[in-house]
Amino acid sequence: MNTQTSLAFEAGYVGAHTHAVDGTLEERISAIDWAAFAQNLTRDGYAILPTMLNPGQCRRLADYFPQDERFRSHIIMSRYAFGRGEYKYFAHPLPDIVAQLRHTLYPHLAPIANHWHDLMRIDERFPATLSQFHTVCHRAGQTRPTPLLLRYHANDYCCLHQDLYGELVFPFQAILLLDEPGRDFEGGELLLTESDPKKPGRAEVVPLRQGDAVVLAVNFRPVRSTRGYYRTNLRHGVSKLHSGNRNTLGIIFHDAR
């Protein structure tokens, strides 16, 4: 992690916010203030990347859902008491934009992940590129791709959960909203809960618009105490949809067994 990013972890919040610019996906990701992003992610357990996708990209991704040949599995959530709704895991080869998001975000997140592990006294460290990390995953038997599309209709919801999939876990994942709240659906808020062993837990609605991405902690985050840092446990889910349809793209960086 560079000095600017490391200092941002120790500094108080100064109101910096991530932003996006016109241009390619790589240009939008490169334009993010990653030091401020790291600070927000560590403070809250999540941080939003506005307008990562344009409406056309959102629509094309949502249109993949009925194309069964693109997916390795289809989950009906009610069959497993996960909630109501459905999701599908992409098969290889991933669609270009899904692979691009996964490979372009990872190098910016890996230094933050390593810093978190250092704070929490976890020995595992993550390599610089996603390809290197996947080599480690595959040696551990985690070979199946984990990016997924989720679809919710009226009265659907998702129970609080963590996306782990195996022994090797990258501590962050990204969720991208493909529809516009208030226009395409009502309800269906992204929920984040935190269980803190030292104080009462909290719950938060993560505000997203179409094309926004949120990066959130997969399982826990570091919290400072008088004796150093300890871990708090996070889960996420989706509240009940009142009307319309809600599509999201999930980008999970570790592969599954």
C-alpha atoms as a PDB file:
ATOM      1  CA  MET A   1       0.000   0.000   0.000  1.00  0.00           C
ATOM      2  CA  ASN A   2       1.395   3.435  -0.872  1.00  0.00           C
ATOM      3  CA  THR A   3       2.041   6.101   1.780  1.00  0.00           C
ATOM      4  CA  GLN A   4      -0.993   8.190   0.810  1.00  0.00           C
ATOM      5  CA  THR A   5      -3.360   5.248   1.183  1.00  0.00           C
ATOM      6  CA  SER A   6      -1.762   4.134   4.453  1.00  0.00           C
ATOM      7  CA  LEU A   7      -2.108   7.618   5.928  1.00  0.00           C
ATOM      8  CA  ALA A   8      -5.738   7.760   4.861  1.00  0.00           C
ATOM      9  CA  PHE A   9      -6.474   4.785   7.111  1.00  0.00           C
ATOM     10  CA  GLU A  10      -5.162   6.689  10.125  1.00  0.00           C
ATOM     11  CA  ALA A  11      -6.643  10.107   9.339  1.00  0.00           C
ATOM     12  CA  GLY A  12     -10.118  11.244  10.290  1.00  0.00           C
ATOM     13  CA  TYR A  13     -12.835  11.541   7.651  1.00  0.00           C
ATOM     14  CA  VAL A  14     -12.337  14.689   5.609  1.00  0.00           C
ATOM     15  CA  GLY A  15     -15.343  14.457   3.330  1.00  0.00           C
ATOM     16  CA  ALA A  16     -13.574  13.040   0.280  1.00  0.00           C
ATOM     17  CA  HIS A  17     -15.812  11.020  -2.018  1.00  0.00           C
ATOM     18  CA  THR A  18     -15.228   8.669  -4.902  1.00  0.00           C
ATOM     19  CA  HIS A  19     -16.288   9.889  -8.311  1.00  0.00           C
ATOM     20  CA  ALA A  20     -16.612   8.698 -11.873  1.00  0.00           C
ATOM     21  CA  VAL A  21     -15.841  10.338 -15.216  1.00  0.00           C
ATOM     22  CA  ASP A  22     -16.956   9.815 -18.776  1.00  0.00           C
ATOM     23  CA  GLY A  23     -14.907   7.270 -20.673  1.00  0.00           C
ATOM     24  CA  THR A  24     -14.099   3.601 -20.564  1.00  0.00           C
ATOM     25  CA  LEU A  25     -14.643   1.435 -17.517  1.00  0.00           C
ATOM     26  CA  GLU A  26     -10.876   1.372 -16.900  1.00  0.00           C
ATOM     27  CA  GLU A  27     -10.783   5.182 -17.008  1.00  0.00           C
ATOM     28  CA  ARG A  28     -13.666   5.471 -14.558  1.00  0.00           C
ATOM     29  CA  ILE A  29     -11.971   3.047 -12.161  1.00  0.00           C
ATOM     30  CA  SER A  30      -8.605   4.802 -12.522  1.00  0.00           C
ATOM     31  CA  ALA A  31     -10.252   8.162 -11.718  1.00  0.00           C
ATOM     32  CA  ILE A  32     -11.422   6.977  -8.288  1.00  0.00           C
ATOM     33  CA  ASP A  33      -9.749   8.529  -5.259  1.00  0.00           C
ATOM     34  CA  TRP A  34      -8.644   5.189  -3.851  1.00  0.00           C
ATOM     35  CA  ALA A  35      -7.120   6.660  -0.679  1.00  0.00           C
ATOM     36  CA  ALA A  36     -10.463   8.235   0.277  1.00  0.00           C
ATOM     37  CA  PHE A  37     -12.247   5.067  -0.794  1.00  0.00           C
ATOM     38  CA  ALA A  38     -10.047   2.950   1.506  1.00  0.00           C
ATOM     39  CA  GLN A  39     -10.786   5.291   4.387  1.00  0.00           C
ATOM     40  CA  ASN A  40     -14.553   5.086   3.851  1.00  0.00           C
ATOM     41  CA  LEU A  41     -14.496   1.311   3.396  1.00  0.00           C
ATOM     42  CA  THR A  42     -12.598   0.804   6.643  1.00  0.00           C
ATOM     43  CA  ARG A  43     -14.825   3.209   8.570  1.00  0.00           C
ATOM     44  CA  ASP A  44     -18.196   1.845   7.372  1.00  0.00           C
ATOM     45  CA  GLY A  45     -17.573  -1.657   6.049  1.00  0.00           C
ATOM     46  CA  TYR A  46     -18.684  -0.471   2.595  1.00  0.00           C
ATOM     47  CA  ALA A  47     -17.989   2.302   0.084  1.00  0.00           C
ATOM     48  CA  ILE A  48     -19.943   3.338  -3.008  1.00  0.00           C
ATOM     49  CA  LEU A  49     -18.472   3.816  -6.480  1.00  0.00           C
ATOM     50  CA  PRO A  50     -21.037   5.980  -8.323  1.00  0.00           C
ATOM     51  CA  THR A  51     -21.994   5.369 -11.967  1.00  0.00           C
ATOM     52  CA  MET A  52     -19.587   2.576 -12.745  1.00  0.00           C
ATOM     53  CA  LEU A  53     -21.947   1.376 -15.499  1.00  0.00           C
ATOM     54  CA  ASN A  54     -24.073   3.375 -17.920  1.00  0.00           C
ATOM     55  CA  PRO A  55     -27.757   2.465 -18.526  1.00  0.00           C
ATOM     56  CA  GLY A  56     -26.950   0.564 -21.712  1.00  0.00           C
ATOM     57  CA  GLN A  57     -24.386  -1.601 -19.948  1.00  0.00           C
ATOM     58  CA  CYS A  58     -26.867  -2.237 -17.126  1.00  0.00           C
ATOM     59  CA  ARG A  59     -29.532  -3.355 -19.590  1.00  0.00           C
ATOM     60  CA  ARG A  60     -27.167  -5.655 -21.488  1.00  0.00           C
ATOM     61  CA  LEU A  61     -26.094  -7.334 -18.267  1.00  0.00           C
ATOM     62  CA  ALA A  62     -29.688  -7.825 -17.094  1.00  0.00           C
ATOM     63  CA  ASP A  63     -30.563  -9.280 -20.512  1.00  0.00           C
ATOM     64  CA  TYR A  64     -28.086 -12.120 -19.933  1.00  0.00           C
ATOM     65  CA  PHE A  65     -30.354 -13.634 -17.288  1.00  0.00           C
ATOM     66  CA  PRO A  66     -32.516 -15.831 -19.596  1.00  0.00           C
ATOM     67  CA  GLN A  67     -29.450 -17.000 -21.586  1.00  0.00           C
ATOM     68  CA  ASP A  68     -28.876 -20.265 -19.720  1.00  0.00           C
ATOM     69  CA  GLU A  69     -25.806 -21.160 -21.762  1.00  0.00           C
ATOM     70  CA  ARG A  70     -23.893 -18.341 -20.032  1.00  0.00           C
ATOM     71  CA  PHE A  71     -24.349 -19.819 -16.536  1.00  0.00           C
ATOM     72  CA  ARG A  72     -23.098 -22.812 -14.577  1.00  0.00           C
ATOM     73  CA  SER A  73     -25.970 -22.969 -12.063  1.00  0.00           C
ATOM     74  CA  HIS A  74     -29.394 -21.489 -11.299  1.00  0.00           C
ATOM     75  CA  ILE A  75     -30.551 -21.043  -7.690  1.00  0.00           C
ATOM     76  CA  ILE A  76     -34.197 -20.592  -6.664  1.00  0.00           C
ATOM     77  CA  MET A  77     -33.749 -18.965  -3.279  1.00  0.00           C
ATOM     78  CA  SER A  78     -36.928 -20.265  -1.638  1.00  0.00           C
ATOM     79  CA  ARG A  79     -35.742 -23.893  -2.066  1.00  0.00           C
ATOM     80  CA  TYR A  80     -32.848 -23.252   0.319  1.00  0.00           C
ATOM     81  CA  ALA A  81     -34.522 -20.787   2.731  1.00  0.00           C
ATOM     82  CA  PHE A  82     -32.321 -17.998   1.351  1.00  0.00           C
ATOM     83  CA  GLY A  83     -35.340 -15.747   0.779  1.00  0.00           C
ATOM     84  CA  ARG A  84     -37.384 -15.316  -2.421  1.00  0.00           C
ATOM     85  CA  GLY A  85     -35.892 -14.555  -5.793  1.00  0.00           C
ATOM     86  CA  GLU A  86     -33.353 -16.276  -8.015  1.00  0.00           C
ATOM     87  CA  TYR A  87     -29.764 -15.980  -9.087  1.00  0.00           C
ATOM     88  CA  LYS A  88     -27.387 -17.547 -11.592  1.00  0.00           C
ATOM     89  CA  TYR A  89     -23.618 -18.049 -11.438  1.00  0.00           C
ATOM     90  CA  PHE A  90     -21.786 -17.239 -14.653  1.00  0.00           C
ATOM     91  CA  ALA A  91     -19.791 -19.983 -16.368  1.00  0.00           C
ATOM     92  CA  HIS A  92     -16.435 -19.493 -18.070  1.00  0.00           C
ATOM     93  CA  PRO A  93     -15.785 -17.589 -20.209  1.00  0.00           C
ATOM     94  CA  LEU A  94     -17.248 -14.660 -18.289  1.00  0.00           C
ATOM     95  CA  PRO A  95     -18.870 -11.849 -20.302  1.00  0.00           C
ATOM     96  CA  ASP A  96     -16.234  -9.247 -21.147  1.00  0.00           C
ATOM     97  CA  ILE A  97     -17.595  -6.538 -18.858  1.00  0.00           C
ATOM     98  CA  VAL A  98     -17.874  -8.944 -15.908  1.00  0.00           C
ATOM     99  CA  ALA A  99     -14.288 -10.137 -16.363  1.00  0.00           C
ATOM    100  CA  GLN A 100     -13.158  -6.546 -16.848  1.00  0.00           C
ATOM    101  CA  LEU A 101     -14.766  -5.377 -13.618  1.00  0.00           C
ATOM    102  CA  ARG A 102     -13.297  -8.284 -11.702  1.00  0.00           C
ATOM    103  CA  HIS A 103      -9.753  -7.877 -13.037  1.00  0.00           C
ATOM    104  CA  THR A 104      -9.696  -4.053 -12.932  1.00  0.00           C
ATOM    105  CA  LEU A 105     -11.079  -3.612  -9.413  1.00  0.00           C
ATOM    106  CA  TYR A 106      -8.985  -6.336  -7.779  1.00  0.00           C
ATOM    107  CA  PRO A 107      -5.528  -4.629  -7.967  1.00  0.00           C
ATOM    108  CA  HIS A 108      -6.945  -1.555  -6.205  1.00  0.00           C
ATOM    109  CA  LEU A 109      -8.632  -3.644  -3.512  1.00  0.00           C
ATOM    110  CA  ALA A 110      -5.790  -6.095  -2.793  1.00  0.00           C
ATOM    111  CA  PRO A 111      -3.596  -3.521  -0.957  1.00  0.00           C
ATOM    112  CA  ILE A 112      -6.578  -2.545   1.220  1.00  0.00           C
ATOM    113  CA  ALA A 113      -7.289  -6.223   1.914  1.00  0.00           C
ATOM    114  CA  ASN A 114      -3.676  -6.765   2.950  1.00  0.00           C
ATOM    115  CA  HIS A 115      -3.809  -3.734   5.239  1.00  0.00           C
ATOM    116  CA  TRP A 116      -6.997  -5.058   6.861  1.00  0.00           C
ATOM    117  CA  HIS A 117      -5.351  -8.435   7.451  1.00  0.00           C
ATOM    118  CA  ASP A 118      -2.348  -6.710   8.972  1.00  0.00           C
ATOM    119  CA  LEU A 119      -4.596  -4.749  11.347  1.00  0.00           C
ATOM    120  CA  MET A 120      -6.508  -7.904  12.327  1.00  0.00           C
ATOM    121  CA  ARG A 121      -3.319  -9.995  12.672  1.00  0.00           C
ATOM    122  CA  ILE A 122      -4.299 -12.426   9.897  1.00  0.00           C
ATOM    123  CA  ASP A 123      -1.281 -13.998   8.188  1.00  0.00           C
ATOM    124  CA  GLU A 124      -2.779 -14.418   4.697  1.00  0.00           C
ATOM    125  CA  ARG A 125      -1.759 -11.833   2.095  1.00  0.00           C
ATOM    126  CA  PHE A 126      -3.170 -11.331  -1.392  1.00  0.00           C
ATOM    127  CA  PRO A 127      -1.087 -11.101  -4.588  1.00  0.00           C
ATOM    128  CA  ALA A 128      -1.092  -8.072  -6.850  1.00  0.00           C
ATOM    129  CA  THR A 129      -3.269  -9.467  -9.662  1.00  0.00           C
ATOM    130  CA  LEU A 130      -6.472 -11.458  -9.833  1.00  0.00           C
ATOM    131  CA  SER A 131      -4.826 -14.083 -12.035  1.00  0.00           C
ATOM    132  CA  GLN A 132      -2.221 -14.720  -9.342  1.00  0.00           C
ATOM    133  CA  PHE A 133      -4.921 -14.967  -6.683  1.00  0.00           C
ATOM    134  CA  HIS A 134      -6.931 -17.419  -8.767  1.00  0.00           C
ATOM    135  CA  THR A 135      -3.855 -19.633  -9.115  1.00  0.00           C
ATOM    136  CA  VAL A 136      -3.845 -19.863  -5.308  1.00  0.00           C
ATOM    137  CA  CYS A 137      -7.617 -20.526  -5.257  1.00  0.00           C
ATOM    138  CA  HIS A 138      -7.339 -23.296  -7.849  1.00  0.00           C
ATOM    139  CA  ARG A 139      -4.542 -25.019  -5.945  1.00  0.00           C
ATOM    140  CA  ALA A 140      -6.905 -25.105  -2.965  1.00  0.00           C
ATOM    141  CA  GLY A 141      -9.668 -26.704  -5.068  1.00  0.00           C
ATOM    142  CA  GLN A 142     -11.661 -23.493  -5.567  1.00  0.00           C
ATOM    143  CA  THR A 143     -12.084 -23.496  -9.351  1.00  0.00           C
ATOM    144  CA  ARG A 144     -15.669 -22.445 -10.103  1.00  0.00           C
ATOM    145  CA  PRO A 145     -16.387 -18.810 -11.058  1.00  0.00           C
ATOM    146  CA  THR A 146     -18.496 -16.847  -8.564  1.00  0.00           C
ATOM    147  CA  PRO A 147     -19.778 -13.691 -10.388  1.00  0.00           C
ATOM    148  CA  LEU A 148     -23.567 -13.855 -10.502  1.00  0.00           C
ATOM    149  CA  LEU A 149     -26.747 -12.146 -11.646  1.00  0.00           C
ATOM    150  CA  LEU A 150     -29.633 -11.815  -9.184  1.00  0.00           C
ATOM    151  CA  ARG A 151     -33.260 -11.111 -10.086  1.00  0.00           C
ATOM    152  CA  TYR A 152     -36.064 -10.081  -7.729  1.00  0.00           C
ATOM    153  CA  HIS A 153     -39.766  -9.523  -8.433  1.00  0.00           C
ATOM    154  CA  ALA A 154     -42.510  -8.125  -6.185  1.00  0.00           C
ATOM    155  CA  ASN A 155     -42.440  -9.683  -2.660  1.00  0.00           C
ATOM    156  CA  ASP A 156     -38.966 -11.166  -3.203  1.00  0.00           C
ATOM    157  CA  TYR A 157     -36.150 -10.587  -0.713  1.00  0.00           C
ATOM    158  CA  CYS A 158     -32.759 -11.984   0.280  1.00  0.00           C
ATOM    159  CA  CYS A 159     -31.882 -13.145   3.802  1.00  0.00           C
ATOM    160  CA  LEU A 160     -28.790 -11.794   5.532  1.00  0.00           C
ATOM    161  CA  HIS A 161     -25.741 -13.818   4.525  1.00  0.00           C
ATOM    162  CA  GLN A 162     -22.022 -13.929   3.711  1.00  0.00           C
ATOM    163  CA  ASP A 163     -20.561 -15.077   0.368  1.00  0.00           C
ATOM    164  CA  LEU A 164     -17.678 -17.341   1.420  1.00  0.00           C
ATOM    165  CA  TYR A 165     -17.601 -20.414  -0.900  1.00  0.00           C
ATOM    166  CA  GLY A 166     -14.463 -22.044   0.472  1.00  0.00           C
ATOM    167  CA  GLU A 167     -11.462 -21.747   2.751  1.00  0.00           C
ATOM    168  CA  LEU A 168      -9.883 -18.921   0.713  1.00  0.00           C
ATOM    169  CA  VAL A 169     -11.874 -15.693   1.006  1.00  0.00           C
ATOM    170  CA  PHE A 170     -11.055 -12.310  -0.501  1.00  0.00           C
ATOM    171  CA  PRO A 171     -12.440  -9.858   2.079  1.00  0.00           C
ATOM    172  CA  PHE A 172     -14.348  -7.603  -0.364  1.00  0.00           C
ATOM    173  CA  GLN A 173     -17.015  -8.047  -3.001  1.00  0.00           C
ATOM    174  CA  ALA A 174     -18.787  -5.625  -5.331  1.00  0.00           C
ATOM    175  CA  ILE A 175     -22.521  -5.341  -6.000  1.00  0.00           C
ATOM    176  CA  LEU A 176     -23.771  -3.319  -8.972  1.00  0.00           C
ATOM    177  CA  LEU A 177     -27.406  -2.217  -9.251  1.00  0.00           C
ATOM    178  CA  LEU A 178     -28.751  -2.623 -12.795  1.00  0.00           C
ATOM    179  CA  ASP A 179     -32.177  -0.943 -12.343  1.00  0.00           C
ATOM    180  CA  GLU A 180     -33.308   2.458 -11.056  1.00  0.00           C
ATOM    181  CA  PRO A 181     -35.059   2.660  -7.652  1.00  0.00           C
ATOM    182  CA  GLY A 182     -38.367   4.496  -7.812  1.00  0.00           C
ATOM    183  CA  ARG A 183     -38.687   3.899 -11.537  1.00  0.00           C
ATOM    184  CA  ASP A 184     -38.084   0.185 -12.098  1.00  0.00           C
ATOM    185  CA  PHE A 185     -38.869  -1.037  -8.579  1.00  0.00           C
ATOM    186  CA  GLU A 186     -39.957   0.033  -5.097  1.00  0.00           C
ATOM    187  CA  GLY A 187     -38.467  -1.371  -1.900  1.00  0.00           C
ATOM    188  CA  GLY A 188     -35.640  -3.853  -2.342  1.00  0.00           C
ATOM    189  CA  GLU A 189     -33.019  -1.879  -0.412  1.00  0.00           C
ATOM    190  CA  LEU A 190     -29.547  -3.326   0.068  1.00  0.00           C
ATOM    191  CA  LEU A 191     -29.122  -3.990   3.809  1.00  0.00           C
ATOM    192  CA  LEU A 192     -25.878  -4.254   5.755  1.00  0.00           C
ATOM    193  CA  THR A 193     -25.745  -5.415   9.377  1.00  0.00           C
ATOM    194  CA  GLU A 194     -22.773  -5.459  11.725  1.00  0.00           C
ATOM    195  CA  SER A 195     -22.398  -7.526  14.896  1.00  0.00           C
ATOM    196  CA  ASP A 196     -19.888  -5.858  17.219  1.00  0.00           C
ATOM    197  CA  PRO A 197     -18.710  -7.906  20.216  1.00  0.00           C
ATOM    198  CA  LYS A 198     -18.005  -4.725  22.202  1.00  0.00           C
ATOM    199  CA  LYS A 199     -21.212  -2.734  21.604  1.00  0.00           C
ATOM    200  CA  PRO A 200     -24.743  -3.049  20.180  1.00  0.00           C
ATOM    201  CA  GLY A 201     -24.926  -4.049  16.530  1.00  0.00           C
ATOM    202  CA  ARG A 202     -26.101  -1.803  13.730  1.00  0.00           C
ATOM    203  CA  ALA A 203     -28.081  -2.048  10.513  1.00  0.00           C
ATOM    204  CA  GLU A 204     -27.817   0.272   7.533  1.00  0.00           C
ATOM    205  CA  VAL A 205     -29.502   0.761   4.168  1.00  0.00           C
ATOM    206  CA  VAL A 206     -26.879   1.216   1.442  1.00  0.00           C
ATOM    207  CA  PRO A 207     -28.216   3.817  -1.025  1.00  0.00           C
ATOM    208  CA  LEU A 208     -27.623   2.822  -4.648  1.00  0.00           C
ATOM    209  CA  ARG A 209     -28.782   4.183  -8.001  1.00  0.00           C
ATOM    210  CA  GLN A 210     -28.695   2.456 -11.374  1.00  0.00           C
ATOM    211  CA  GLY A 211     -25.108   1.777 -12.408  1.00  0.00           C
ATOM    212  CA  ASP A 212     -23.632   2.360  -8.955  1.00  0.00           C
ATOM    213  CA  ALA A 213     -21.328  -0.204  -7.396  1.00  0.00           C
ATOM    214  CA  VAL A 214     -20.825  -0.809  -3.713  1.00  0.00           C
ATOM    215  CA  VAL A 215     -17.783  -2.611  -2.376  1.00  0.00           C
ATOM    216  CA  LEU A 216     -18.485  -4.214   0.981  1.00  0.00           C
ATOM    217  CA  ALA A 217     -16.820  -6.490   3.482  1.00  0.00           C
ATOM    218  CA  VAL A 218     -17.518 -10.158   2.827  1.00  0.00           C
ATOM    219  CA  ASN A 219     -17.295 -11.300   6.436  1.00  0.00           C
ATOM    220  CA  PHE A 220     -15.648  -8.890   8.884  1.00  0.00           C
ATOM    221  CA  ARG A 221     -13.778  -5.585   9.175  1.00  0.00           C
ATOM    222  CA  PRO A 222     -11.185  -4.146  11.590  1.00  0.00           C
ATOM    223  CA  VAL A 223     -12.334  -1.766  14.330  1.00  0.00           C
ATOM    224  CA  ARG A 224      -9.913   0.209  16.474  1.00  0.00           C
ATOM    225  CA  SER A 225      -9.953  -0.186  20.242  1.00  0.00           C
ATOM    226  CA  THR A 226      -7.649   0.981  23.026  1.00  0.00           C
ATOM    227  CA  ARG A 227      -5.689  -2.284  22.636  1.00  0.00           C
ATOM    228  CA  GLY A 228      -5.412  -2.308  18.869  1.00  0.00           C
ATOM    229  CA  TYR A 229      -7.923  -3.669  16.366  1.00  0.00           C
ATOM    230  CA  TYR A 230     -10.613  -6.316  16.694  1.00  0.00           C
ATOM    231  CA  ARG A 231     -13.044  -7.871  14.195  1.00  0.00           C
ATOM    232  CA  THR A 232     -16.715  -7.125  13.728  1.00  0.00           C
ATOM    233  CA  ASN A 233     -18.894  -9.466  11.683  1.00  0.00           C
ATOM    234  CA  LEU A 234     -20.920  -8.170   8.702  1.00  0.00           C
ATOM    235  CA  ARG A 235     -23.790  -9.646   6.712  1.00  0.00           C
ATOM    236  CA  HIS A 236     -25.809  -8.250   3.835  1.00  0.00           C
ATOM    237  CA  GLY A 237     -29.221  -8.899   2.300  1.00  0.00           C
ATOM    238  CA  VAL A 238     -32.081  -7.271   0.389  1.00  0.00           C
ATOM    239  CA  SER A 239     -35.369  -6.035   1.871  1.00  0.00           C
ATOM    240  CA  LYS A 240     -38.712  -7.070   0.370  1.00  0.00           C
ATOM    241  CA  LEU A 241     -39.481  -5.669  -3.063  1.00  0.00           C
ATOM    242  CA  HIS A 242     -42.856  -3.895  -3.084  1.00  0.00           C
ATOM    243  CA  SER A 243     -43.231  -3.712  -6.867  1.00  0.00           C
ATOM    244  CA  GLY A 244     -41.323  -3.953 -10.137  1.00  0.00           C
ATOM    245  CA  ASN A 245     -38.149  -5.885 -10.936  1.00  0.00           C
ATOM    246  CA  ARG A 246     -34.656  -5.520  -9.468  1.00  0.00           C
ATOM    247  CA  ASN A 247     -31.532  -6.924 -11.163  1.00  0.00           C
ATOM    248  CA  THR A 248     -28.033  -6.841  -9.688  1.00  0.00           C
ATOM    249  CA  LEU A 249     -24.581  -8.055 -10.653  1.00  0.00           C
ATOM    250  CA  GLY A 250     -22.420  -9.562  -7.931  1.00  0.00           C
ATOM    251  CA  ILE A 251     -18.644  -9.567  -8.344  1.00  0.00           C
ATOM    252  CA  ILE A 252     -16.979 -11.992  -5.921  1.00  0.00           C
ATOM    253  CA  PHE A 253     -13.232 -12.288  -6.333  1.00  0.00           C
ATOM    254  CA  HIS A 254     -12.490 -15.703  -4.819  1.00  0.00           C
ATOM    255  CA  ASP A 255     -13.626 -18.759  -6.768  1.00  0.00           C
ATOM    256  CA  ALA A 256     -15.773 -21.530  -5.286  1.00  0.00           C
ATOM    257  CA  ARG A 257     -15.269 -25.220  -4.552  1.00  0.00           C
END
